[in-house]
Amino acid sequence: MTVSIKGDFTMSRLIVCCALLSLSLTTVLFSTAFCYDLTILTENSGENNYLDSNGQIKGFNTDIVREIMQRLNLNFTIKIVPWKRGYREVLHRPNVVLFSMVRTFERENLFKWVGPLNVTKFSFFKKKGSDITINTLGDAKKVGAIGCIGDDVREKLLKRLGFTNLSSLFGKDANVRNLEMLMLGRIDLWISTGHIVFKTANDTVIDPNEIEETLTVKKAYVYLVFSKDTDDKIVNEWQHTLEAMKKDGTYKKILSQYPSGLKRITFDPPNNAQPE
């Protein structure tokens, strides 16, 4: 009788130990299944994301991305690259993240989207005191030259709208050069967004008050994107974390720390871009 009880007890202990071992292995396998590596890229572009005077990457979208990573216990490095390179890498390489990207119909099926991070608008800007009057897109098509960034979403938009008077620049200093050309009268208008224009002016010796917004071309939503082959579990995890930040007030708190941030807040749900 005693032996039987002892045997049963020993067997029970063995079963419990095996169960615990199985649970432990399952936990390890479950954890490693969600381990992943990402290359995170951005560009130097206004208050969204920029290099400060100490060479540190700042901006409200940068802060949002860092908060998402912190909540997910991730520690990836964010790297600033020219937009053309970042776009090429997220388009052709696996497990790449790029921000900040405007969601457009032509880009819709090229990436996986997390956002919206904020809302913005594309507008024409002119030098204050200029006698150029822009009330319609037709008026803008008649000016001598419109500054823009080559391969940028704003340049592509104007081309689709039939503009042929575009002066496109490339490189990480394209915003500065566009602004300088505007002030020197070498271009008549600059297609950009307010936060980029005034951040660029503040980073130079140009007074932001010497620049005027004339005509808004389009309202746009800004996202971060993942390479198309990124696991949906990762993308959904980032999207749900962003939504949680919006619900608990962290999102608004981050944007409120920047001059144009409160104007950029959006609680609109993510939506597929429609044809223009």
Protein backbone atom coordinates (compact mmCIF):
# COMPACT_ATOMS: atom_id res chain seq x y z
CA MET A 1 0.00 0.00 0.00
CA THR A 2 2.78 2.34 0.93
CA VAL A 3 4.73 1.45 -2.18
CA SER A 4 1.69 2.11 -4.34
CA ILE A 5 1.16 5.55 -2.85
CA LYS A 6 4.82 6.35 -3.24
CA GLY A 7 4.74 5.14 -6.81
CA ASP A 8 1.66 7.19 -7.56
CA PHE A 9 3.21 10.23 -5.92
CA THR A 10 6.42 9.79 -7.90
CA MET A 11 4.45 9.39 -11.12
CA SER A 12 2.40 12.50 -10.31
CA ARG A 13 5.56 14.49 -9.72
CA LEU A 14 6.93 13.24 -13.02
CA ILE A 15 3.76 14.27 -14.87
CA VAL A 16 3.82 17.72 -13.24
CA CYS A 17 7.48 18.20 -14.11
CA CYS A 18 6.88 17.18 -17.72
CA ALA A 19 3.95 19.57 -17.94
CA LEU A 20 6.02 22.42 -16.54
CA LEU A 21 8.86 21.62 -18.94
CA SER A 22 6.42 21.57 -21.83
CA LEU A 23 4.94 24.89 -20.74
CA SER A 24 8.42 26.40 -20.41
CA LEU A 25 9.42 25.24 -23.89
CA THR A 26 6.16 26.54 -25.32
CA THR A 27 6.78 29.92 -23.69
CA VAL A 28 10.30 30.10 -25.12
CA LEU A 29 9.11 29.12 -28.58
CA PHE A 30 6.24 31.60 -28.37
CA SER A 31 8.62 34.40 -27.35
CA THR A 32 11.20 33.70 -30.02
CA ALA A 33 8.45 33.59 -32.63
CA PHE A 34 7.94 37.29 -32.06
CA CYS A 35 11.61 38.24 -32.08
CA TYR A 36 12.38 40.23 -35.20
CA ASP A 37 14.82 42.74 -36.61
CA LEU A 38 13.90 45.93 -38.44
CA THR A 39 15.82 48.63 -40.30
CA ILE A 40 14.14 51.93 -39.44
CA LEU A 41 14.73 54.87 -41.77
CA THR A 42 13.54 58.46 -41.97
CA GLU A 43 14.52 61.70 -43.70
CA ASN A 44 15.40 65.22 -42.59
CA SER A 45 12.02 66.87 -43.09
CA GLY A 46 10.60 69.59 -40.86
CA GLU A 47 9.05 68.86 -37.48
CA ASN A 48 8.08 65.34 -38.56
CA ASN A 49 11.65 64.11 -38.30
CA TYR A 50 14.89 66.10 -38.39
CA LEU A 51 18.48 66.38 -37.20
CA ASP A 52 18.97 68.93 -34.44
CA SER A 53 22.11 71.05 -33.94
CA ASN A 54 23.70 68.21 -31.94
CA GLY A 55 23.13 65.67 -34.67
CA GLN A 56 20.28 63.97 -32.79
CA ILE A 57 17.18 62.77 -34.63
CA LYS A 58 14.13 64.61 -33.33
CA GLY A 59 10.57 65.36 -34.47
CA PHE A 60 7.09 64.38 -33.39
CA ASN A 61 6.90 61.33 -35.67
CA THR A 62 10.31 60.25 -34.41
CA ASP A 63 9.01 60.55 -30.85
CA ILE A 64 5.93 58.50 -31.76
CA VAL A 65 8.07 55.74 -33.29
CA ARG A 66 10.34 55.66 -30.25
CA GLU A 67 7.34 55.44 -27.92
CA ILE A 68 5.95 52.52 -29.92
CA MET A 69 9.29 50.73 -29.70
CA GLN A 70 9.54 51.36 -25.97
CA ARG A 71 6.09 49.88 -25.37
CA LEU A 72 7.01 46.83 -27.43
CA ASN A 73 10.41 46.44 -25.73
CA LEU A 74 12.25 47.05 -29.00
CA ASN A 75 15.53 48.93 -29.32
CA PHE A 76 16.14 49.56 -33.02
CA THR A 77 18.27 52.46 -34.25
CA ILE A 78 16.59 55.14 -36.37
CA LYS A 79 18.73 56.36 -39.25
CA ILE A 80 18.30 59.48 -41.41
CA VAL A 81 18.86 58.94 -45.14
CA PRO A 82 17.90 60.84 -48.31
CA TRP A 83 14.27 60.18 -49.17
CA LYS A 84 15.07 58.50 -52.49
CA ARG A 85 17.31 55.95 -50.78
CA GLY A 86 14.84 55.28 -47.97
CA TYR A 87 12.01 54.78 -50.45
CA ARG A 88 14.10 52.39 -52.54
CA GLU A 89 15.09 50.33 -49.49
CA VAL A 90 11.59 49.94 -48.07
CA LEU A 91 10.36 49.05 -51.56
CA HIS A 92 12.98 46.38 -52.29
CA ARG A 93 14.45 45.14 -48.99
CA PRO A 94 12.72 42.99 -46.36
CA ASN A 95 11.89 44.24 -42.85
CA VAL A 96 12.46 47.93 -43.51
CA VAL A 97 10.41 50.70 -41.91
CA LEU A 98 10.25 54.20 -43.42
CA PHE A 99 8.59 57.33 -42.06
CA SER A 100 7.08 59.84 -42.65
CA MET A 101 5.17 58.86 -45.81
CA VAL A 102 2.00 60.36 -47.24
CA ARG A 103 -0.53 57.67 -48.12
CA THR A 104 -1.45 57.89 -51.79
CA PHE A 105 -3.37 55.68 -54.21
CA GLU A 106 -0.29 54.86 -56.29
CA ARG A 107 1.61 53.75 -53.16
CA GLU A 108 -1.29 51.91 -51.54
CA ASN A 109 -0.37 48.34 -52.49
CA LEU A 110 3.40 48.79 -52.35
CA PHE A 111 3.71 48.82 -48.56
CA LYS A 112 2.03 47.94 -45.28
CA TRP A 113 0.78 51.01 -43.44
CA VAL A 114 0.71 52.10 -39.78
CA GLY A 115 -1.04 55.33 -38.87
CA PRO A 116 -2.11 57.92 -39.50
CA LEU A 117 0.65 59.62 -37.53
CA ASN A 118 -0.66 63.07 -38.41
CA VAL A 119 -2.50 65.08 -41.02
CA THR A 120 -0.96 67.76 -43.22
CA LYS A 121 -1.70 69.80 -46.32
CA PHE A 122 0.24 70.58 -49.47
CA SER A 123 0.28 74.26 -50.33
CA PHE A 124 1.97 76.79 -52.59
CA PHE A 125 4.21 79.29 -50.83
CA LYS A 126 5.54 82.58 -52.17
CA LYS A 127 7.85 85.34 -51.04
CA LYS A 128 5.99 87.96 -49.02
CA GLY A 129 5.29 91.05 -51.13
CA SER A 130 5.35 89.10 -54.39
CA ASP A 131 2.81 90.39 -56.90
CA ILE A 132 1.91 86.83 -57.88
CA THR A 133 -1.75 86.03 -57.13
CA ILE A 134 -2.76 82.39 -56.93
CA ASN A 135 -6.45 81.63 -56.53
CA THR A 136 -6.68 78.46 -58.61
CA LEU A 137 -4.47 75.67 -59.89
CA GLY A 138 -4.76 77.30 -63.30
CA ASP A 139 -3.11 80.43 -61.91
CA ALA A 140 -0.23 78.33 -60.56
CA LYS A 141 0.29 76.68 -63.93
CA LYS A 142 1.01 80.10 -65.46
CA VAL A 143 3.91 81.14 -63.22
CA GLY A 144 7.49 80.79 -64.39
CA ALA A 145 8.70 78.05 -62.04
CA ILE A 146 7.49 76.08 -59.03
CA GLY A 147 10.11 74.65 -56.71
CA CYS A 148 9.70 71.07 -55.49
CA ILE A 149 11.67 67.99 -54.51
CA GLY A 150 12.29 65.42 -57.23
CA ASP A 151 10.37 62.13 -56.84
CA ASP A 152 8.55 63.61 -53.86
CA VAL A 153 4.82 63.02 -53.41
CA ARG A 154 4.11 66.73 -54.03
CA GLU A 155 6.03 66.77 -57.31
CA LYS A 156 4.18 63.64 -58.45
CA LEU A 157 0.85 65.19 -57.50
CA LEU A 158 1.51 68.31 -59.57
CA LYS A 159 2.62 66.23 -62.55
CA ARG A 160 -0.62 64.25 -62.37
CA LEU A 161 -2.50 67.53 -62.30
CA GLY A 162 -0.82 68.60 -65.53
CA PHE A 163 1.88 70.99 -64.27
CA THR A 164 4.85 71.42 -66.60
CA ASN A 165 6.56 74.39 -64.91
CA LEU A 166 8.29 72.44 -62.12
CA SER A 167 11.84 73.06 -60.93
CA SER A 168 12.84 69.85 -59.13
CA LEU A 169 15.77 69.52 -56.74
CA PHE A 170 17.34 66.44 -55.19
CA GLY A 171 19.45 65.83 -52.10
CA LYS A 172 19.17 66.27 -48.34
CA ASP A 173 19.46 70.08 -48.62
CA ALA A 174 16.73 70.42 -51.26
CA ASN A 175 14.38 72.24 -48.88
CA VAL A 176 17.02 74.83 -48.01
CA ARG A 177 17.87 75.39 -51.66
CA ASN A 178 14.20 75.71 -52.62
CA LEU A 179 13.70 78.32 -49.93
CA GLU A 180 16.79 80.27 -50.99
CA MET A 181 15.68 80.20 -54.62
CA LEU A 182 12.24 81.44 -53.62
CA MET A 183 13.70 84.36 -51.71
CA LEU A 184 16.04 85.21 -54.60
CA GLY A 185 13.21 85.13 -57.13
CA ARG A 186 14.61 82.19 -59.05
CA ILE A 187 11.36 80.31 -58.51
CA ASP A 188 7.93 81.92 -58.14
CA LEU A 189 6.30 79.35 -55.86
CA TRP A 190 7.35 76.45 -53.66
CA ILE A 191 5.07 73.42 -53.18
CA SER A 192 5.55 72.15 -49.63
CA THR A 193 3.91 71.94 -46.22
CA GLY A 194 3.84 74.64 -43.57
CA HIS A 195 5.91 72.84 -40.96
CA ILE A 196 8.68 72.12 -43.49
CA VAL A 197 8.75 75.68 -44.80
CA PHE A 198 8.93 77.36 -41.42
CA LYS A 199 11.29 74.78 -39.90
CA THR A 200 13.60 75.27 -42.89
CA ALA A 201 13.44 79.06 -42.49
CA ASN A 202 14.19 78.83 -38.76
CA ASP A 203 17.23 76.71 -39.52
CA THR A 204 18.61 79.42 -41.81
CA VAL A 205 18.94 83.20 -41.59
CA ILE A 206 15.64 83.66 -43.42
CA ASP A 207 12.73 85.20 -41.50
CA PRO A 208 9.70 82.85 -41.65
CA ASN A 209 7.45 85.92 -41.77
CA GLU A 210 8.87 86.67 -45.23
CA ILE A 211 7.07 83.61 -46.63
CA GLU A 212 3.36 83.44 -47.40
CA GLU A 213 1.08 80.46 -47.94
CA THR A 214 -1.13 81.06 -50.97
CA LEU A 215 -3.21 78.09 -52.10
CA THR A 216 -3.78 74.66 -50.55
CA VAL A 217 -3.61 71.88 -53.11
CA LYS A 218 -4.43 68.83 -51.01
CA LYS A 219 -5.03 67.52 -47.49
CA ALA A 220 -2.93 64.43 -46.78
CA TYR A 221 -2.41 61.80 -44.08
CA VAL A 222 1.07 60.82 -42.96
CA TYR A 223 2.03 57.24 -42.04
CA LEU A 224 4.98 54.99 -41.39
CA VAL A 225 5.32 52.07 -43.78
CA PHE A 226 6.75 48.56 -43.63
CA SER A 227 8.20 46.51 -46.46
CA LYS A 228 5.46 44.57 -48.23
CA ASP A 229 6.72 41.17 -47.02
CA THR A 230 6.77 42.14 -43.32
CA ASP A 231 4.80 39.76 -41.11
CA ASP A 232 1.27 41.07 -40.53
CA LYS A 233 1.64 40.27 -36.81
CA ILE A 234 4.39 42.89 -36.56
CA VAL A 235 2.44 45.51 -38.50
CA ASN A 236 -0.72 44.91 -36.46
CA GLU A 237 1.29 45.09 -33.23
CA TRP A 238 2.61 48.54 -34.18
CA GLN A 239 -0.82 49.75 -35.32
CA HIS A 240 -2.51 48.64 -32.09
CA THR A 241 0.22 50.29 -30.02
CA LEU A 242 -0.25 53.59 -31.85
CA GLU A 243 -4.00 53.39 -31.29
CA ALA A 244 -3.42 52.77 -27.59
CA MET A 245 -1.20 55.88 -27.46
CA LYS A 246 -4.00 57.92 -28.99
CA LYS A 247 -6.48 56.63 -26.44
CA ASP A 248 -4.32 57.23 -23.35
CA GLY A 249 -3.28 60.79 -24.32
CA THR A 250 0.39 60.08 -25.07
CA TYR A 251 -0.02 60.85 -28.78
CA LYS A 252 -1.50 64.32 -28.16
CA LYS A 253 1.12 65.04 -25.51
CA ILE A 254 3.94 64.28 -27.97
CA LEU A 255 2.58 66.50 -30.74
CA SER A 256 1.79 69.36 -28.35
CA GLN A 257 5.52 69.73 -27.63
CA TYR A 258 6.13 71.03 -31.18
CA PRO A 259 5.06 74.42 -32.61
CA SER A 260 2.88 72.98 -35.39
CA GLY A 261 2.01 69.76 -33.59
CA LEU A 262 -1.50 70.57 -32.40
CA LYS A 263 -2.49 71.47 -35.96
CA ARG A 264 -1.33 68.04 -37.12
CA ILE A 265 -3.27 65.86 -34.69
CA THR A 266 -5.67 63.34 -36.21
CA PHE A 267 -7.80 60.66 -34.62
CA ASP A 268 -9.16 59.54 -37.97
CA PRO A 269 -8.89 55.77 -38.51
CA PRO A 270 -6.54 54.36 -41.15
CA ASN A 271 -8.16 54.26 -44.58
CA ASN A 272 -7.03 53.11 -48.00
CA ALA A 273 -6.04 55.99 -50.26
CA GLN A 274 -8.44 56.75 -53.10
CA PRO A 275 -7.67 57.81 -56.69
CA GLU A 276 -7.23 61.55 -57.13
